PDB file of N, CA and C in Angstrom:
ATOM      1  N   MET A   1     120.509 167.991 -55.758  1.00  0.00           N
ATOM      2  CA  MET A   1     120.082 168.375 -57.092  1.00  0.00           C
ATOM      3  C   MET A   1     120.671 167.415 -58.115  1.00  0.00           C
ATOM      4  N   ILE A   2     119.872 167.127 -59.126  1.00  0.00           N
ATOM      5  CA  ILE A   2     120.347 166.381 -60.282  1.00  0.00           C
ATOM      6  C   ILE A   2     120.110 167.239 -61.515  1.00  0.00           C
ATOM      7  N   ARG A   3     120.862 166.958 -62.547  1.00  0.00           N
ATOM      8  CA  ARG A   3     120.684 167.671 -63.813  1.00  0.00           C
ATOM      9  C   ARG A   3     120.087 166.680 -64.807  1.00  0.00           C
ATOM     10  N   VAL A   4     119.013 167.100 -65.464  1.00  0.00           N
ATOM     11  CA  VAL A   4     118.326 166.244 -66.429  1.00  0.00           C
ATOM     12  C   VAL A   4     118.464 166.886 -67.807  1.00  0.00           C
ATOM     13  N   LEU A   5     118.950 166.097 -68.770  1.00  0.00           N
ATOM     14  CA  LEU A   5     119.151 166.572 -70.134  1.00  0.00           C
ATOM     15  C   LEU A   5     118.185 165.859 -71.070  1.00  0.00           C
ATOM     16  N   PHE A   6     117.727 166.579 -72.081  1.00  0.00           N
ATOM     17  CA  PHE A   6     116.832 166.014 -73.092  1.00  0.00           C
ATOM     18  C   PHE A   6     117.458 166.232 -74.459  1.00  0.00           C
ATOM     19  N   PHE A   7     117.461 165.185 -75.290  1.00  0.00           N
ATOM     20  CA  PHE A   7     118.097 165.262 -76.595  1.00  0.00           C
ATOM     21  C   PHE A   7     117.120 164.988 -77.727  1.00  0.00           C
ATOM     22  N   ALA A   8     117.479 165.494 -78.889  1.00  0.00           N
ATOM     23  CA  ALA A   8     116.767 165.244 -80.154  1.00  0.00           C
ATOM     24  C   ALA A   8     115.289 165.617 -80.040  1.00  0.00           C
ATOM     25  N   LYS A   9     114.410 164.721 -80.461  1.00  0.00           N
ATOM     26  CA  LYS A   9     112.970 164.996 -80.494  1.00  0.00           C
ATOM     27  C   LYS A   9     112.419 165.326 -79.103  1.00  0.00           C
ATOM     28  N   LEU A  10     112.979 164.729 -78.063  1.00  0.00           N
ATOM     29  CA  LEU A  10     112.512 165.036 -76.706  1.00  0.00           C
ATOM     30  C   LEU A  10     112.730 166.510 -76.374  1.00  0.00           C
ATOM     31  N   ARG A  11     113.883 167.021 -76.747  1.00  0.00           N
ATOM     32  CA  ARG A  11     114.200 168.432 -76.496  1.00  0.00           C
ATOM     33  C   ARG A  11     113.186 169.328 -77.193  1.00  0.00           C
ATOM     34  N   GLU A  12     112.824 168.974 -78.424  1.00  0.00           N
ATOM     35  CA  GLU A  12     111.856 169.760 -79.184  1.00  0.00           C
ATOM     36  C   GLU A  12     110.455 169.646 -78.576  1.00  0.00           C
ATOM     37  N   THR A  13     110.047 168.436 -78.252  1.00  0.00           N
ATOM     38  CA  THR A  13     108.708 168.207 -77.704  1.00  0.00           C
ATOM     39  C   THR A  13     108.510 168.900 -76.366  1.00  0.00           C
ATOM     40  N   LEU A  14     109.524 168.836 -75.506  1.00  0.00           N
ATOM     41  CA  LEU A  14     109.411 169.407 -74.160  1.00  0.00           C
ATOM     42  C   LEU A  14     109.829 170.874 -74.106  1.00  0.00           C
ATOM     43  N   ALA A  15     110.366 171.377 -75.194  1.00  0.00           N
ATOM     44  CA  ALA A  15     110.780 172.780 -75.309  1.00  0.00           C
ATOM     45  C   ALA A  15     111.783 173.187 -74.235  1.00  0.00           C
ATOM     46  N   THR A  16     112.661 172.252 -73.883  1.00  0.00           N
ATOM     47  CA  THR A  16     113.726 172.567 -72.945  1.00  0.00           C
ATOM     48  C   THR A  16     114.890 171.602 -73.147  1.00  0.00           C
ATOM     49  N   PRO A  17     116.105 172.108 -73.112  1.00  0.00           N
ATOM     50  CA  PRO A  17     117.251 171.218 -73.258  1.00  0.00           C
ATOM     51  C   PRO A  17     117.643 170.528 -71.948  1.00  0.00           C
ATOM     52  N   SER A  18     117.315 171.177 -70.811  1.00  0.00           N
ATOM     53  CA  SER A  18     117.721 170.618 -69.528  1.00  0.00           C
ATOM     54  C   SER A  18     116.967 171.285 -68.386  1.00  0.00           C
ATOM     55  N   LEU A  19     117.086 170.662 -67.229  1.00  0.00           N
ATOM     56  CA  LEU A  19     116.562 171.263 -66.007  1.00  0.00           C
ATOM     57  C   LEU A  19     117.307 170.678 -64.826  1.00  0.00           C
ATOM     58  N   GLU A  20     117.270 171.386 -63.716  1.00  0.00           N
ATOM     59  CA  GLU A  20     117.866 170.897 -62.478  1.00  0.00           C
ATOM     60  C   GLU A  20     116.763 170.800 -61.448  1.00  0.00           C
ATOM     61  N   LEU A  21     116.792 169.710 -60.691  1.00  0.00           N
ATOM     62  CA  LEU A  21     115.769 169.557 -59.667  1.00  0.00           C
ATOM     63  C   LEU A  21     116.261 168.679 -58.533  1.00  0.00           C
ATOM     64  N   ALA A  22     115.620 168.839 -57.395  1.00  0.00           N
ATOM     65  CA  ALA A  22     115.912 167.999 -56.237  1.00  0.00           C
ATOM     66  C   ALA A  22     115.129 166.712 -56.423  1.00  0.00           C
ATOM     67  N   TYR A  23     115.835 165.591 -56.404  1.00  0.00           N
ATOM     68  CA  TYR A  23     115.166 164.310 -56.583  1.00  0.00           C
ATOM     69  C   TYR A  23     116.018 163.209 -55.966  1.00  0.00           C
ATOM     70  N   ALA A  24     115.367 162.313 -55.257  1.00  0.00           N
ATOM     71  CA  ALA A  24     116.010 161.118 -54.724  1.00  0.00           C
ATOM     72  C   ALA A  24     115.114 159.940 -55.078  1.00  0.00           C
ATOM     73  N   GLY A  25     115.669 158.934 -55.712  1.00  0.00           N
ATOM     74  CA  GLY A  25     114.896 157.771 -56.108  1.00  0.00           C
ATOM     75  C   GLY A  25     115.533 157.131 -57.319  1.00  0.00           C
ATOM     76  N   ASP A  26     114.736 156.376 -58.061  1.00  0.00           N
ATOM     77  CA  ASP A  26     115.262 155.694 -59.234  1.00  0.00           C
ATOM     78  C   ASP A  26     114.799 156.384 -60.517  1.00  0.00           C
ATOM     79  N   VAL A  27     115.307 155.906 -61.638  1.00  0.00           N
ATOM     80  CA  VAL A  27     114.988 156.496 -62.940  1.00  0.00           C
ATOM     81  C   VAL A  27     113.488 156.399 -63.218  1.00  0.00           C
ATOM     82  N   ALA A  28     112.878 155.262 -62.896  1.00  0.00           N
ATOM     83  CA  ALA A  28     111.433 155.094 -63.134  1.00  0.00           C
ATOM     84  C   ALA A  28     110.635 156.155 -62.370  1.00  0.00           C
ATOM     85  N   GLY A  29     111.016 156.419 -61.139  1.00  0.00           N
ATOM     86  CA  GLY A  29     110.336 157.441 -60.349  1.00  0.00           C
ATOM     87  C   GLY A  29     110.541 158.832 -60.923  1.00  0.00           C
ATOM     88  N   LEU A  30     111.731 159.082 -61.452  1.00  0.00           N
ATOM     89  CA  LEU A  30     111.998 160.372 -62.089  1.00  0.00           C
ATOM     90  C   LEU A  30     111.109 160.549 -63.310  1.00  0.00           C
ATOM     91  N   LYS A  31     110.973 159.495 -64.110  1.00  0.00           N
ATOM     92  CA  LYS A  31     110.082 159.567 -65.273  1.00  0.00           C
ATOM     93  C   LYS A  31     108.648 159.884 -64.835  1.00  0.00           C
ATOM     94  N   ARG A  32     108.196 159.235 -63.768  1.00  0.00           N
ATOM     95  CA  ARG A  32     106.831 159.504 -63.266  1.00  0.00           C
ATOM     96  C   ARG A  32     106.701 160.948 -62.786  1.00  0.00           C
ATOM     97  N   ALA A  33     107.700 161.425 -62.057  1.00  0.00           N
ATOM     98  CA  ALA A  33     107.665 162.800 -61.548  1.00  0.00           C
ATOM     99  C   ALA A  33     107.649 163.809 -62.696  1.00  0.00           C
ATOM    100  N   LEU A  34     108.470 163.584 -63.710  1.00  0.00           N
ATOM    101  CA  LEU A  34     108.494 164.496 -64.847  1.00  0.00           C
ATOM    102  C   LEU A  34     107.209 164.398 -65.662  1.00  0.00           C
ATOM    103  N   SER A  35     106.653 163.201 -65.772  1.00  0.00           N
ATOM    104  CA  SER A  35     105.403 163.001 -66.517  1.00  0.00           C
ATOM    105  C   SER A  35     104.251 163.772 -65.897  1.00  0.00           C
ATOM    106  N   ALA A  36     104.328 164.026 -64.603  1.00  0.00           N
ATOM    107  CA  ALA A  36     103.282 164.774 -63.907  1.00  0.00           C
ATOM    108  C   ALA A  36     103.272 166.255 -64.298  1.00  0.00           C
ATOM    109  N   ARG A  37     104.263 166.711 -65.064  1.00  0.00           N
ATOM    110  CA  ARG A  37     104.332 168.109 -65.490  1.00  0.00           C
ATOM    111  C   ARG A  37     103.328 168.456 -66.583  1.00  0.00           C
ATOM    112  N   GLY A  38     102.707 167.447 -67.184  1.00  0.00           N
ATOM    113  CA  GLY A  38     101.712 167.735 -68.212  1.00  0.00           C
ATOM    114  C   GLY A  38     101.656 166.651 -69.255  1.00  0.00           C
ATOM    115  N   GLU A  39     100.679 166.785 -70.137  1.00  0.00           N
ATOM    116  CA  GLU A  39     100.427 165.760 -71.147  1.00  0.00           C
ATOM    117  C   GLU A  39     101.614 165.544 -72.086  1.00  0.00           C
ATOM    118  N   SER A  40     102.242 166.621 -72.548  1.00  0.00           N
ATOM    119  CA  SER A  40     103.369 166.443 -73.466  1.00  0.00           C
ATOM    120  C   SER A  40     104.534 165.729 -72.772  1.00  0.00           C
ATOM    121  N   TRP A  41     104.755 166.012 -71.501  1.00  0.00           N
ATOM    122  CA  TRP A  41     105.804 165.335 -70.732  1.00  0.00           C
ATOM    123  C   TRP A  41     105.463 163.851 -70.586  1.00  0.00           C
ATOM    124  N   GLN A  42     104.215 163.572 -70.270  1.00  0.00           N
ATOM    125  CA  GLN A  42     103.797 162.192 -70.093  1.00  0.00           C
ATOM    126  C   GLN A  42     103.970 161.403 -71.390  1.00  0.00           C
ATOM    127  N   GLN A  43     103.508 161.955 -72.487  1.00  0.00           N
ATOM    128  CA  GLN A  43     103.621 161.270 -73.775  1.00  0.00           C
ATOM    129  C   GLN A  43     105.083 161.048 -74.159  1.00  0.00           C
ATOM    130  N   ALA A  44     105.921 162.034 -73.921  1.00  0.00           N
ATOM    131  CA  ALA A  44     107.324 161.936 -74.312  1.00  0.00           C
ATOM    132  C   ALA A  44     108.087 160.911 -73.477  1.00  0.00           C
ATOM    133  N   LEU A  45     107.828 160.882 -72.182  1.00  0.00           N
ATOM    134  CA  LEU A  45     108.647 160.061 -71.291  1.00  0.00           C
ATOM    135  C   LEU A  45     108.098 158.672 -71.013  1.00  0.00           C
ATOM    136  N   THR A  46     106.901 158.374 -71.482  1.00  0.00           N
ATOM    137  CA  THR A  46     106.361 157.039 -71.247  1.00  0.00           C
ATOM    138  C   THR A  46     106.465 156.153 -72.490  1.00  0.00           C
ATOM    139  N   GLN A  47     107.128 156.624 -73.513  1.00  0.00           N
ATOM    140  CA  GLN A  47     107.350 155.797 -74.698  1.00  0.00           C
ATOM    141  C   GLN A  47     108.296 154.646 -74.336  1.00  0.00           C
ATOM    142  N   ASP A  48     108.016 153.485 -74.874  1.00  0.00           N
ATOM    143  CA  ASP A  48     108.817 152.297 -74.558  1.00  0.00           C
ATOM    144  C   ASP A  48     110.255 152.386 -75.043  1.00  0.00           C
ATOM    145  N   ASN A  49     110.492 153.172 -76.074  1.00  0.00           N
ATOM    146  CA  ASN A  49     111.826 153.182 -76.671  1.00  0.00           C
ATOM    147  C   ASN A  49     112.729 154.323 -76.190  1.00  0.00           C
ATOM    148  N   ILE A  50     112.302 155.079 -75.193  1.00  0.00           N
ATOM    149  CA  ILE A  50     113.136 156.158 -74.670  1.00  0.00           C
ATOM    150  C   ILE A  50     114.327 155.558 -73.922  1.00  0.00           C
ATOM    151  N   LEU A  51     115.509 156.038 -74.232  1.00  0.00           N
ATOM    152  CA  LEU A  51     116.722 155.571 -73.570  1.00  0.00           C
ATOM    153  C   LEU A  51     117.144 156.552 -72.495  1.00  0.00           C
ATOM    154  N   CYS A  52     117.876 156.034 -71.518  1.00  0.00           N
ATOM    155  CA  CYS A  52     118.334 156.875 -70.420  1.00  0.00           C
ATOM    156  C   CYS A  52     119.795 156.567 -70.136  1.00  0.00           C
ATOM    157  N   ALA A  53     120.534 157.608 -69.794  1.00  0.00           N
ATOM    158  CA  ALA A  53     121.915 157.445 -69.347  1.00  0.00           C
ATOM    159  C   ALA A  53     122.082 158.232 -68.054  1.00  0.00           C
ATOM    160  N   VAL A  54     122.807 157.659 -67.124  1.00  0.00           N
ATOM    161  CA  VAL A  54     123.144 158.342 -65.877  1.00  0.00           C
ATOM    162  C   VAL A  54     124.657 158.492 -65.852  1.00  0.00           C
ATOM    163  N   ASN A  55     125.097 159.725 -65.766  1.00  0.00           N
ATOM    164  CA  ASN A  55     126.531 160.035 -65.794  1.00  0.00           C
ATOM    165  C   ASN A  55     127.204 159.395 -67.015  1.00  0.00           C
ATOM    166  N   GLN A  56     126.524 159.508 -68.153  1.00  0.00           N
ATOM    167  CA  GLN A  56     127.003 159.081 -69.462  1.00  0.00           C
ATOM    168  C   GLN A  56     127.168 157.566 -69.591  1.00  0.00           C
ATOM    169  N   GLN A  57     126.441 156.809 -68.760  1.00  0.00           N
ATOM    170  CA  GLN A  57     126.408 155.355 -68.858  1.00  0.00           C
ATOM    171  C   GLN A  57     124.954 154.925 -69.017  1.00  0.00           C
ATOM    172  N   VAL A  58     124.672 154.057 -69.982  1.00  0.00           N
ATOM    173  CA  VAL A  58     123.304 153.590 -70.195  1.00  0.00           C
ATOM    174  C   VAL A  58     122.761 153.040 -68.876  1.00  0.00           C
ATOM    175  N   ALA A  59     121.510 153.420 -68.569  1.00  0.00           N
ATOM    176  CA  ALA A  59     120.908 153.056 -67.285  1.00  0.00           C
ATOM    177  C   ALA A  59     119.539 152.423 -67.489  1.00  0.00           C
ATOM    178  N   THR A  60     119.122 151.645 -66.516  1.00  0.00           N
ATOM    179  CA  THR A  60     117.795 151.046 -66.510  1.00  0.00           C
ATOM    180  C   THR A  60     116.882 151.865 -65.609  1.00  0.00           C
ATOM    181  N   ASP A  61     115.602 151.553 -65.634  1.00  0.00           N
ATOM    182  CA  ASP A  61     114.649 152.249 -64.775  1.00  0.00           C
ATOM    183  C   ASP A  61     114.939 152.023 -63.296  1.00  0.00           C
ATOM    184  N   GLU A  62     115.638 150.943 -62.960  1.00  0.00           N
ATOM    185  CA  GLU A  62     115.927 150.623 -61.566  1.00  0.00           C
ATOM    186  C   GLU A  62     117.147 151.358 -61.009  1.00  0.00           C
ATOM    187  N   GLN A  63     117.881 152.047 -61.890  1.00  0.00           N
ATOM    188  CA  GLN A  63     119.091 152.765 -61.460  1.00  0.00           C
ATOM    189  C   GLN A  63     118.740 153.818 -60.422  1.00  0.00           C
ATOM    190  N   LEU A  64     119.410 153.772 -59.272  1.00  0.00           N
ATOM    191  CA  LEU A  64     119.200 154.775 -58.228  1.00  0.00           C
ATOM    192  C   LEU A  64     119.996 156.026 -58.564  1.00  0.00           C
ATOM    193  N   LEU A  65     119.392 157.169 -58.278  1.00  0.00           N
ATOM    194  CA  LEU A  65     120.032 158.456 -58.550  1.00  0.00           C
ATOM    195  C   LEU A  65     120.497 159.077 -57.242  1.00  0.00           C
ATOM    196  N   LYS A  66     121.597 159.807 -57.340  1.00  0.00           N
ATOM    197  CA  LYS A  66     122.129 160.476 -56.155  1.00  0.00           C
ATOM    198  C   LYS A  66     122.476 161.924 -56.484  1.00  0.00           C
ATOM    199  N   GLU A  67     122.757 162.673 -55.461  1.00  0.00           N
ATOM    200  CA  GLU A  67     123.109 164.085 -55.594  1.00  0.00           C
ATOM    201  C   GLU A  67     124.168 164.277 -56.676  1.00  0.00           C
ATOM    202  N   ASN A  68     123.966 165.282 -57.519  1.00  0.00           N
ATOM    203  CA  ASN A  68     124.894 165.682 -58.585  1.00  0.00           C
ATOM    204  C   ASN A  68     124.940 164.739 -59.785  1.00  0.00           C
ATOM    205  N   ASP A  69     124.041 163.771 -59.854  1.00  0.00           N
ATOM    206  CA  ASP A  69     123.994 162.913 -61.042  1.00  0.00           C
ATOM    207  C   ASP A  69     123.489 163.711 -62.238  1.00  0.00           C
ATOM    208  N   GLU A  70     123.939 163.291 -63.413  1.00  0.00           N
ATOM    209  CA  GLU A  70     123.447 163.839 -64.669  1.00  0.00           C
ATOM    210  C   GLU A  70     122.646 162.735 -65.358  1.00  0.00           C
ATOM    211  N   VAL A  71     121.394 163.025 -65.637  1.00  0.00           N
ATOM    212  CA  VAL A  71     120.508 162.054 -66.259  1.00  0.00           C
ATOM    213  C   VAL A  71     120.139 162.576 -67.640  1.00  0.00           C
ATOM    214  N   ALA A  72     120.309 161.739 -68.648  1.00  0.00           N
ATOM    215  CA  ALA A  72     119.991 162.134 -70.018  1.00  0.00           C
ATOM    216  C   ALA A  72     118.935 161.198 -70.580  1.00  0.00           C
ATOM    217  N   PHE A  73     117.917 161.791 -71.220  1.00  0.00           N
ATOM    218  CA  PHE A  73     116.891 161.026 -71.915  1.00  0.00           C
ATOM    219  C   PHE A  73     117.019 161.309 -73.402  1.00  0.00           C
ATOM    220  N   PHE A  74     116.946 160.239 -74.208  1.00  0.00           N
ATOM    221  CA  PHE A  74     117.075 160.413 -75.643  1.00  0.00           C
ATOM    222  C   PHE A  74     116.390 159.275 -76.385  1.00  0.00           C
ATOM    223  N   PRO A  75     115.962 159.555 -77.611  1.00  0.00           N
ATOM    224  CA  PRO A  75     115.344 158.494 -78.417  1.00  0.00           C
ATOM    225  C   PRO A  75     116.425 157.552 -78.930  1.00  0.00           C
ATOM    226  N   PRO A  76     116.032 156.370 -79.357  1.00  0.00           N
ATOM    227  CA  PRO A  76     117.019 155.441 -79.918  1.00  0.00           C
ATOM    228  C   PRO A  76     117.734 156.067 -81.115  1.00  0.00           C
ATOM    229  N   VAL A  77     118.958 155.710 -81.286  1.00  0.00           N
ATOM    230  CA  VAL A  77     119.763 156.223 -82.391  1.00  0.00           C
ATOM    231  C   VAL A  77     119.839 155.143 -83.461  1.00  0.00           C
ATOM    232  N   THR A  78     119.596 155.559 -84.686  1.00  0.00           N
ATOM    233  CA  THR A  78     119.720 154.617 -85.788  1.00  0.00           C
ATOM    234  C   THR A  78     120.745 155.129 -86.781  1.00  0.00           C
ATOM    235  N   GLY A  79     121.262 154.268 -87.529  1.00  0.00           N
ATOM    236  CA  GLY A  79     122.249 154.690 -88.523  1.00  0.00           C
ATOM    237  C   GLY A  79     122.309 153.669 -89.644  1.00  0.00           C
ATOM    238  N   GLY A  80     123.076 153.991 -90.629  1.00  0.00           N
ATOM    239  CA  GLY A  80     123.151 153.055 -91.737  1.00  0.00           C
ATOM    240  C   GLY A  80     124.416 153.197 -92.498  1.00  0.00           C
TER     241      GLY A  80
END
């Protein structure tokens, strides 16, 4: 099992802060699997600017996931 967290606008769009699921593969595959949940999931997770962290470290789509990993998706953060 992995734990997937959604922050900011993603949390609002997907109407869930987190979920747990059985998954083995990379971040790109996880995005595809989650996108298959429906149109709002697909639109939210296929945006070019969505960031991902695995175990609180910025990750790429090629990052492999393992049992008990925590994966977080969030929009870019801006400040001034």
